[in-house]
C-alpha cells in the first residue's frame, strides 16, 4: 500500500492560507484545509509554527511530507509571509523569496509554476474575508542547498527549488505500485484515444500542454519507459510520442529503457558514439566524452557549430531522435505483437525543441 503525501505547492499554499487566517483572526487548531483542485479533493495540512510579524503581516511554517516518495524535500520547512492591506479592490501578489529558484530565460522570474499559482489563488481568495491587497512571499530556507542535488539547473532554474507540478498528490515514481497506476491510467485512456504522449516528468507534461497537446492524452511514465511502451502495445495504441529532456531520453538511443540513473546511465557515452559515427572532429568528441553533463556537451556542440559555421548539433540530435524512435519500436516488437508507431521529441533546458524524429514530424502533421 502506497502512503501518498503532497507536493511542495500544497505546503506552500497551506502556509500562506494559515498566515492569512491568522491575520483575520479565524485561524484554529494548527491545521488548514486546502482545496487541491487536481485531484478534486481537500487535504488537511498541519501548521508547525505561526506568528505575527507586525499588525498586518504574519509568518507561517509547514514541513514537506511527500509520503512514500523518495523526495529530497522531505521534512524541509516551507515558509509563507503574508501581508494584508485593506483596499478598494482585491489584488493578489505572489513572489518567491529565499530558496525559490529563478528562471534564467525569464529574467529571473520566480519558479512558481501554473499549478502552484492556481492553488495559491484559489485557496487564498476563498479564505479572504475583506477587500484587500494580499501579498504572499514563499520562502524555502533550505531550497538553495537542496537544489544542488537536483537537475533544476539543466532546466534553467537556479538558486533554489521550483514549485512545480500538475497535481497536489506526491507520487512515488520508483515504486512498482506506481508503475501499476501509470499502466492503469494508460489502459483507461487507450479506450478513448488511439494516440498518446508519454513524458517522464512534470517538465515534459507542462511543456506538452504549452505545445498544444491535449492534456487528456498525456501520460506520465517516470523512469518506466520500457514497461510503459509494452503496455501501450498491449492496450492496442496506434502511436505514442515520447516527449522529454534530451539528457534523459538519449538513454533510449543506447537501448536503455529504464532511465533511472541508479540502474544505468551511459548518456555521455551514447552521445560520444553518435558524434563519432557522424564524424565530428576528434578533439570535440573528446570534449564531449569528458563533459560534466549532457547539457554541457550540447553547449560544446553549439559552440563548435557557431565557430565553424557547421551543423553538427542538428545532425547529431536528429540522429538521436530517429534512433530513439527505431529502438523503441524494436523494443516493443521483442515483447509484444501489436505494432506501435513511436515518435520522439527532445527539448533542452530552456524548454525549446532541439529535435523531432522523422516519425513524430509525420504524426504531428497528419
Protein backbone atom coordinates (compact mmCIF):
# COMPACT_ATOMS: atom_id res chain seq x y z
CA UNK A 1 0.00 0.00 0.00
CA UNK A 2 1.42 3.37 -1.07
CA UNK A 3 1.37 6.16 1.51
CA UNK A 4 0.68 9.24 -0.59
CA UNK A 5 1.84 12.66 0.52
CA UNK A 6 1.52 16.07 -1.05
CA UNK A 7 3.62 18.20 -3.39
CA UNK A 8 5.50 21.34 -2.39
CA UNK A 9 2.84 23.73 -3.80
CA UNK A 10 0.32 22.27 -1.33
CA UNK A 11 2.51 23.03 1.69
CA UNK A 12 3.37 26.49 0.37
CA UNK A 13 -0.35 27.16 -0.02
CA UNK A 14 -1.10 25.82 3.47
CA UNK A 15 1.48 28.15 5.00
CA UNK A 16 0.05 31.11 3.10
CA UNK A 17 -3.59 30.32 3.95
CA UNK A 18 -2.85 29.84 7.65
CA UNK A 19 -0.97 33.15 7.79
CA UNK A 20 -3.93 34.88 6.11
CA UNK A 21 -6.38 33.29 8.54
CA UNK A 22 -4.18 34.35 11.46
CA UNK A 23 -4.31 37.97 10.30
CA UNK A 24 -8.09 37.74 10.05
CA UNK A 25 -8.42 36.10 13.49
CA UNK A 26 -10.04 32.92 12.17
CA UNK A 27 -7.09 30.53 12.40
CA UNK A 28 -7.60 27.50 14.63
CA UNK A 29 -6.30 24.07 15.66
CA UNK A 30 -2.88 24.30 13.94
CA UNK A 31 -4.35 22.93 10.72
CA UNK A 32 -5.75 24.26 7.48
CA UNK A 33 -7.88 22.61 4.81
CA UNK A 34 -6.61 23.06 1.25
CA UNK A 35 -8.59 22.56 -1.95
CA UNK A 36 -6.15 20.59 -4.13
CA UNK A 37 -8.09 21.43 -7.33
CA UNK A 38 -6.39 18.48 -9.02
CA UNK A 39 -7.41 15.97 -7.89
CA UNK A 40 -10.79 17.34 -6.81
CA UNK A 41 -10.12 16.68 -3.13
CA UNK A 42 -9.36 18.52 0.08
CA UNK A 43 -6.26 17.99 2.20
CA UNK A 44 -5.76 18.78 5.89
CA UNK A 45 -2.25 20.15 6.43
CA UNK A 46 -0.57 20.63 9.79
CA UNK A 47 0.94 24.01 10.58
CA UNK A 48 4.17 23.84 12.55
CA UNK A 49 4.54 27.47 13.61
CA UNK A 50 2.72 30.75 13.09
CA UNK A 51 3.22 34.31 14.34
CA UNK A 52 2.53 37.93 13.53
CA UNK A 53 5.47 39.98 12.30
CA UNK A 54 3.50 43.19 12.68
CA UNK A 55 -0.16 44.22 12.74
CA UNK A 56 -0.83 43.33 9.07
CA UNK A 57 1.85 40.72 8.40
CA UNK A 58 2.19 37.08 9.52
CA UNK A 59 4.61 34.21 9.01
CA UNK A 60 3.54 30.55 8.94
CA UNK A 61 5.63 27.39 8.54
CA UNK A 62 4.76 23.89 7.34
CA UNK A 63 7.03 20.91 6.57
CA UNK A 64 7.07 18.88 3.39
CA UNK A 65 5.57 15.40 3.74
CA UNK A 66 5.77 13.62 0.36
CA UNK A 67 4.58 10.22 1.62
CA UNK A 68 6.49 7.18 0.36
CA UNK A 69 8.10 9.17 -2.43
CA UNK A 70 11.91 9.26 -2.44
CA UNK A 71 11.84 13.03 -2.27
CA UNK A 72 14.80 15.13 -1.13
CA UNK A 73 12.41 17.82 0.17
CA UNK A 74 11.07 15.52 2.91
CA UNK A 75 10.73 17.48 6.19
CA UNK A 76 12.05 20.67 4.67
CA UNK A 77 10.36 23.80 6.11
CA UNK A 78 8.16 25.93 3.85
CA UNK A 79 7.57 29.48 4.99
CA UNK A 80 4.95 31.96 3.82
CA UNK A 81 4.91 35.62 4.76
CA UNK A 82 1.53 37.22 4.10
CA UNK A 83 0.85 40.95 4.16
CA UNK A 84 -2.80 42.03 4.25
CA UNK A 85 -3.66 45.62 3.28
CA UNK A 86 -7.35 46.72 3.09
CA UNK A 87 -8.11 48.27 -0.28
CA UNK A 88 -10.97 49.27 -2.57
CA UNK A 89 -10.24 46.29 -4.81
CA UNK A 90 -8.82 42.83 -4.22
CA UNK A 91 -5.40 42.04 -5.62
CA UNK A 92 -3.15 39.02 -5.04
CA UNK A 93 0.63 39.33 -5.39
CA UNK A 94 2.73 36.14 -5.23
CA UNK A 95 6.52 36.14 -5.16
CA UNK A 96 9.33 33.77 -4.41
CA UNK A 97 11.80 34.55 -1.67
CA UNK A 98 14.96 32.84 -0.49
CA UNK A 99 15.27 29.27 -1.74
CA UNK A 100 12.71 29.56 -4.53
CA UNK A 101 14.51 29.10 -7.83
CA UNK A 102 14.83 31.76 -10.51
CA UNK A 103 14.06 31.04 -14.17
CA UNK A 104 17.09 32.10 -16.21
CA UNK A 105 15.37 32.68 -19.55
CA UNK A 106 12.53 34.66 -17.92
CA UNK A 107 14.82 37.30 -16.43
CA UNK A 108 14.94 35.72 -13.01
CA UNK A 109 11.20 35.23 -12.55
CA UNK A 110 10.42 33.03 -9.55
CA UNK A 111 9.96 29.34 -10.44
CA UNK A 112 6.37 29.19 -9.19
CA UNK A 113 4.57 27.38 -11.98
CA UNK A 114 0.94 27.34 -13.09
CA UNK A 115 -0.47 24.71 -10.73
CA UNK A 116 1.14 26.37 -7.70
CA UNK A 117 -0.18 29.77 -8.85
CA UNK A 118 -3.71 28.39 -9.27
CA UNK A 119 -3.55 26.60 -5.92
CA UNK A 120 -2.47 29.75 -4.09
CA UNK A 121 -5.01 31.95 -5.86
CA UNK A 122 -7.96 29.60 -5.29
CA UNK A 123 -7.30 28.94 -1.62
CA UNK A 124 -6.23 32.45 -0.61
CA UNK A 125 -9.18 34.14 -2.29
CA UNK A 126 -11.57 31.56 -0.80
CA UNK A 127 -10.21 32.47 2.65
CA UNK A 128 -10.16 36.25 2.18
CA UNK A 129 -12.87 37.97 4.22
CA UNK A 130 -12.29 41.58 3.15
CA UNK A 131 -11.43 43.56 0.03
CA UNK A 132 -7.67 43.88 0.21
CA UNK A 133 -4.25 43.58 -1.36
CA UNK A 134 -2.77 40.22 -0.34
CA UNK A 135 0.98 39.93 -0.75
CA UNK A 136 2.48 36.45 -0.38
CA UNK A 137 6.16 35.59 -0.25
CA UNK A 138 7.10 31.90 -0.28
CA UNK A 139 10.46 31.01 1.29
CA UNK A 140 12.34 27.70 1.32
CA UNK A 141 15.19 28.24 3.81
CA UNK A 142 16.93 25.05 2.64
CA UNK A 143 15.97 25.45 -1.02
CA UNK A 144 19.29 26.69 -2.37
CA UNK A 145 21.20 23.86 -0.70
CA UNK A 146 18.72 21.19 -1.81
CA UNK A 147 18.73 22.50 -5.39
CA UNK A 148 22.37 21.48 -5.72
CA UNK A 149 21.18 17.85 -5.59
CA UNK A 150 18.61 18.27 -8.39
CA UNK A 151 18.70 18.75 -12.17
CA UNK A 152 16.98 22.15 -11.85
CA UNK A 153 19.89 23.99 -13.43
CA UNK A 154 19.58 21.76 -16.50
CA UNK A 155 16.10 23.23 -16.96
CA UNK A 156 17.26 26.81 -16.49
CA UNK A 157 16.26 27.19 -12.82
CA UNK A 158 18.99 28.44 -10.47
CA UNK A 159 19.43 29.36 -6.80
CA UNK A 160 16.61 27.22 -5.46
CA UNK A 161 13.79 24.74 -5.95
CA UNK A 162 10.74 25.03 -8.19
CA UNK A 163 7.13 24.97 -7.05
CA UNK A 164 6.34 22.63 -9.92
CA UNK A 165 3.71 20.01 -10.54
CA UNK A 166 0.32 19.38 -12.07
CA UNK A 167 -1.31 17.77 -9.04
CA UNK A 168 -1.39 18.06 -5.26
CA UNK A 169 -0.62 14.38 -4.72
CA UNK A 170 3.04 13.42 -4.40
CA UNK A 171 3.67 10.27 -6.43
CA UNK A 172 6.45 7.79 -5.57
CA UNK A 173 7.98 7.47 -9.01
CA UNK A 174 10.13 4.39 -8.40
CA UNK A 175 7.67 2.01 -6.76
CA UNK A 176 6.13 -0.95 -8.55
CA UNK A 177 2.72 0.15 -7.31
CA UNK A 178 3.20 3.49 -9.03
CA UNK A 179 4.03 1.76 -12.31
CA UNK A 180 0.78 -0.18 -12.00
CA UNK A 181 -1.12 3.08 -11.55
CA UNK A 182 0.53 4.55 -14.66
CA UNK A 183 -0.36 1.41 -16.60
CA UNK A 184 -3.96 1.55 -15.42
CA UNK A 185 -4.20 5.19 -16.49
CA UNK A 186 -2.81 4.20 -19.89
CA UNK A 187 -5.41 1.43 -20.28
CA UNK A 188 -8.25 3.82 -19.46
CA UNK A 189 -7.02 6.48 -21.87
CA UNK A 190 -6.44 3.89 -24.61
CA UNK A 191 -10.19 3.21 -24.52
CA UNK A 192 -10.72 6.81 -25.66
CA UNK A 193 -7.64 7.69 -27.73
CA UNK A 194 -5.54 5.83 -30.32
CA UNK A 195 -2.54 8.09 -29.74
CA UNK A 196 -0.90 9.24 -26.50
CA UNK A 197 2.04 11.37 -25.43
CA UNK A 198 4.48 9.95 -22.86
CA UNK A 199 6.56 12.18 -20.61
CA UNK A 200 8.96 11.11 -17.88
CA UNK A 201 8.25 14.01 -15.55
CA UNK A 202 6.46 17.25 -14.80
CA UNK A 203 8.63 19.43 -17.05
CA UNK A 204 7.59 17.40 -20.08
CA UNK A 205 3.91 17.39 -19.11
CA UNK A 206 3.94 21.14 -18.61
CA UNK A 207 5.69 21.72 -21.95
CA UNK A 208 3.34 19.32 -23.77
CA UNK A 209 0.33 21.44 -22.83
CA UNK A 210 2.11 24.61 -23.95
CA UNK A 211 2.91 22.95 -27.27
CA UNK A 212 -0.77 22.32 -27.82
CA UNK A 213 -1.10 18.62 -26.98
CA UNK A 214 -4.41 17.58 -25.45
CA UNK A 215 -3.85 17.26 -21.71
CA UNK A 216 -6.16 14.23 -21.65
CA UNK A 217 -3.75 12.39 -23.96
CA UNK A 218 -0.72 12.87 -21.70
CA UNK A 219 0.72 10.03 -19.64
CA UNK A 220 3.44 10.36 -17.04
CA UNK A 221 5.82 7.40 -17.15
CA UNK A 222 8.55 8.35 -14.66
CA UNK A 223 11.55 6.12 -15.44
CA UNK A 224 9.45 3.11 -16.53
CA UNK A 225 9.61 3.78 -20.27
CA UNK A 226 10.21 0.20 -21.36
CA UNK A 227 7.30 -1.18 -19.36
CA UNK A 228 5.02 1.62 -20.48
CA UNK A 229 5.90 1.13 -24.15
CA UNK A 230 4.98 -2.54 -23.92
CA UNK A 231 1.78 -1.59 -22.10
CA UNK A 232 0.97 0.74 -25.00
CA UNK A 233 1.20 -2.24 -27.34
CA UNK A 234 -0.92 -4.45 -25.10
CA UNK A 235 -3.53 -1.66 -24.99
CA UNK A 236 -3.53 -1.62 -28.83
CA UNK A 237 -2.50 2.03 -29.21
CA UNK A 238 -1.64 3.15 -32.75
CA UNK A 239 1.11 5.56 -31.76
CA UNK A 240 2.98 7.17 -28.90
CA UNK A 241 5.04 10.34 -28.88
CA UNK A 242 7.91 10.38 -26.39
CA UNK A 243 8.41 13.98 -25.26
CA UNK A 244 11.37 14.54 -22.98
CA UNK A 245 14.51 16.32 -21.94
CA UNK A 246 17.35 15.32 -24.25
CA UNK A 247 19.62 14.40 -21.35
CA UNK A 248 17.11 11.78 -20.24
CA UNK A 249 15.63 10.37 -23.45
CA UNK A 250 19.08 9.94 -25.01
CA UNK A 251 19.36 6.74 -22.96
CA UNK A 252 16.82 5.11 -25.30
CA UNK A 253 19.19 5.78 -28.19
CA UNK A 254 21.51 3.35 -26.40
CA UNK A 255 18.74 0.81 -25.72
CA UNK A 256 18.41 1.72 -22.04
CA UNK A 257 14.68 1.56 -21.32
CA UNK A 258 14.61 2.13 -17.57
CA UNK A 259 16.01 5.61 -17.24
CA UNK A 260 16.75 5.91 -13.52
CA UNK A 261 20.43 6.77 -13.08
CA UNK A 262 20.81 4.19 -10.30
CA UNK A 263 20.23 1.42 -12.84
CA UNK A 264 22.07 2.72 -15.91
CA UNK A 265 23.48 5.93 -17.27
CA UNK A 266 25.83 6.00 -20.33
CA UNK A 267 24.41 9.29 -21.61
CA UNK A 268 27.75 10.84 -22.50
CA UNK A 269 29.00 7.54 -23.88
CA UNK A 270 25.96 7.35 -26.20
CA UNK A 271 26.40 10.96 -27.31
CA UNK A 272 30.12 10.35 -27.89
CA UNK A 273 29.46 7.25 -30.01
CA UNK A 274 26.86 9.02 -32.16
CA UNK A 275 29.14 12.04 -32.58
CA UNK A 276 31.94 9.75 -33.75
CA UNK A 277 29.58 7.96 -36.12
CA UNK A 278 28.70 11.30 -37.71
CA UNK A 279 32.42 12.18 -37.98
CA UNK A 280 32.60 15.09 -35.58
CA UNK A 281 36.27 16.14 -35.22
CA UNK A 282 38.18 14.03 -32.70
CA UNK A 283 39.14 16.88 -30.40
CA UNK A 284 35.44 17.82 -29.95
CA UNK A 285 34.48 14.18 -29.44
CA UNK A 286 36.99 14.01 -26.58
CA UNK A 287 35.49 17.15 -25.03
CA UNK A 288 32.02 15.62 -25.21
CA UNK A 289 33.21 12.38 -23.64
CA UNK A 290 34.71 14.26 -20.67
CA UNK A 291 31.89 16.82 -20.34
CA UNK A 292 30.26 17.12 -16.92
CA UNK A 293 26.69 16.68 -18.22
CA UNK A 294 24.82 16.15 -21.47
CA UNK A 295 23.71 19.77 -21.22
CA UNK A 296 27.31 20.99 -21.14
CA UNK A 297 28.12 18.61 -24.03
CA UNK A 298 25.28 20.20 -26.01
CA UNK A 299 26.80 23.62 -25.41
CA UNK A 300 30.18 22.32 -26.66
CA UNK A 301 28.48 21.22 -29.88
CA UNK A 302 26.67 24.52 -30.31
CA UNK A 303 29.85 26.49 -29.72
CA UNK A 304 31.73 24.41 -32.30
CA UNK A 305 28.96 24.98 -34.86
CA UNK A 306 28.98 28.74 -34.28
CA UNK A 307 32.74 28.96 -34.69
CA UNK A 308 32.87 26.75 -37.80
CA UNK A 309 29.54 27.52 -39.47
CA UNK A 310 28.71 23.81 -39.27
CA UNK A 311 25.52 21.92 -38.40
CA UNK A 312 26.69 19.02 -36.27
CA UNK A 313 24.26 19.81 -33.43
CA UNK A 314 21.22 19.46 -35.68
CA UNK A 315 22.63 16.35 -37.38
CA UNK A 316 23.54 14.61 -34.13
CA UNK A 317 20.28 15.33 -32.34
CA UNK A 318 18.23 14.41 -35.39
CA UNK A 319 20.09 11.11 -35.42
CA UNK A 320 19.39 10.65 -31.70
CA UNK A 321 15.66 11.33 -32.12
CA UNK A 322 15.40 8.89 -35.04
CA UNK A 323 17.41 6.29 -33.14
CA UNK A 324 15.08 6.59 -30.14
CA UNK A 325 12.09 6.02 -32.40
CA UNK A 326 13.66 2.97 -34.03
CA UNK A 327 14.92 1.44 -30.78
CA UNK A 328 11.58 1.95 -29.03
CA UNK A 329 9.69 0.24 -31.86
CA UNK A 330 12.15 -2.65 -31.83
CA UNK A 331 11.86 -2.95 -28.05
CA UNK A 332 8.09 -3.29 -28.34
CA UNK A 333 8.46 -5.95 -31.06
CA UNK A 334 10.54 -8.08 -28.68
CA UNK A 335 7.85 -8.07 -26.02
CA UNK A 336 4.51 -7.72 -27.81
CA UNK A 337 2.96 -8.49 -31.19
CA UNK A 338 0.97 -5.28 -31.76
CA UNK A 339 2.97 -2.61 -33.65
CA UNK A 340 3.02 0.88 -32.15
CA UNK A 341 4.49 3.76 -34.11
CA UNK A 342 6.82 5.78 -31.90
CA UNK A 343 7.72 9.45 -32.29
CA UNK A 344 10.38 11.29 -30.30
CA UNK A 345 10.59 14.99 -29.45
CA UNK A 346 13.58 16.26 -27.47
CA UNK A 347 13.77 19.56 -25.65
CA UNK A 348 16.67 21.36 -23.98
CA UNK A 349 16.95 23.15 -20.68
CA UNK A 350 15.15 26.31 -21.82
CA UNK A 351 12.29 24.03 -22.93
CA UNK A 352 12.81 24.77 -26.61
CA UNK A 353 12.59 21.82 -29.00
CA UNK A 354 16.03 20.66 -30.10
CA UNK A 355 14.99 17.74 -32.33
CA UNK A 356 11.97 15.87 -33.64
CA UNK A 357 12.27 12.39 -35.07
CA UNK A 358 11.01 11.70 -38.57
CA UNK A 359 8.06 9.71 -37.19
CA UNK A 360 6.99 12.49 -34.84
CA UNK A 361 7.00 15.03 -37.67
CA UNK A 362 4.68 12.83 -39.71
CA UNK A 363 2.46 12.11 -36.71
CA UNK A 364 2.04 15.79 -35.82
CA UNK A 365 1.39 16.87 -39.42
CA UNK A 366 -1.06 14.06 -40.22
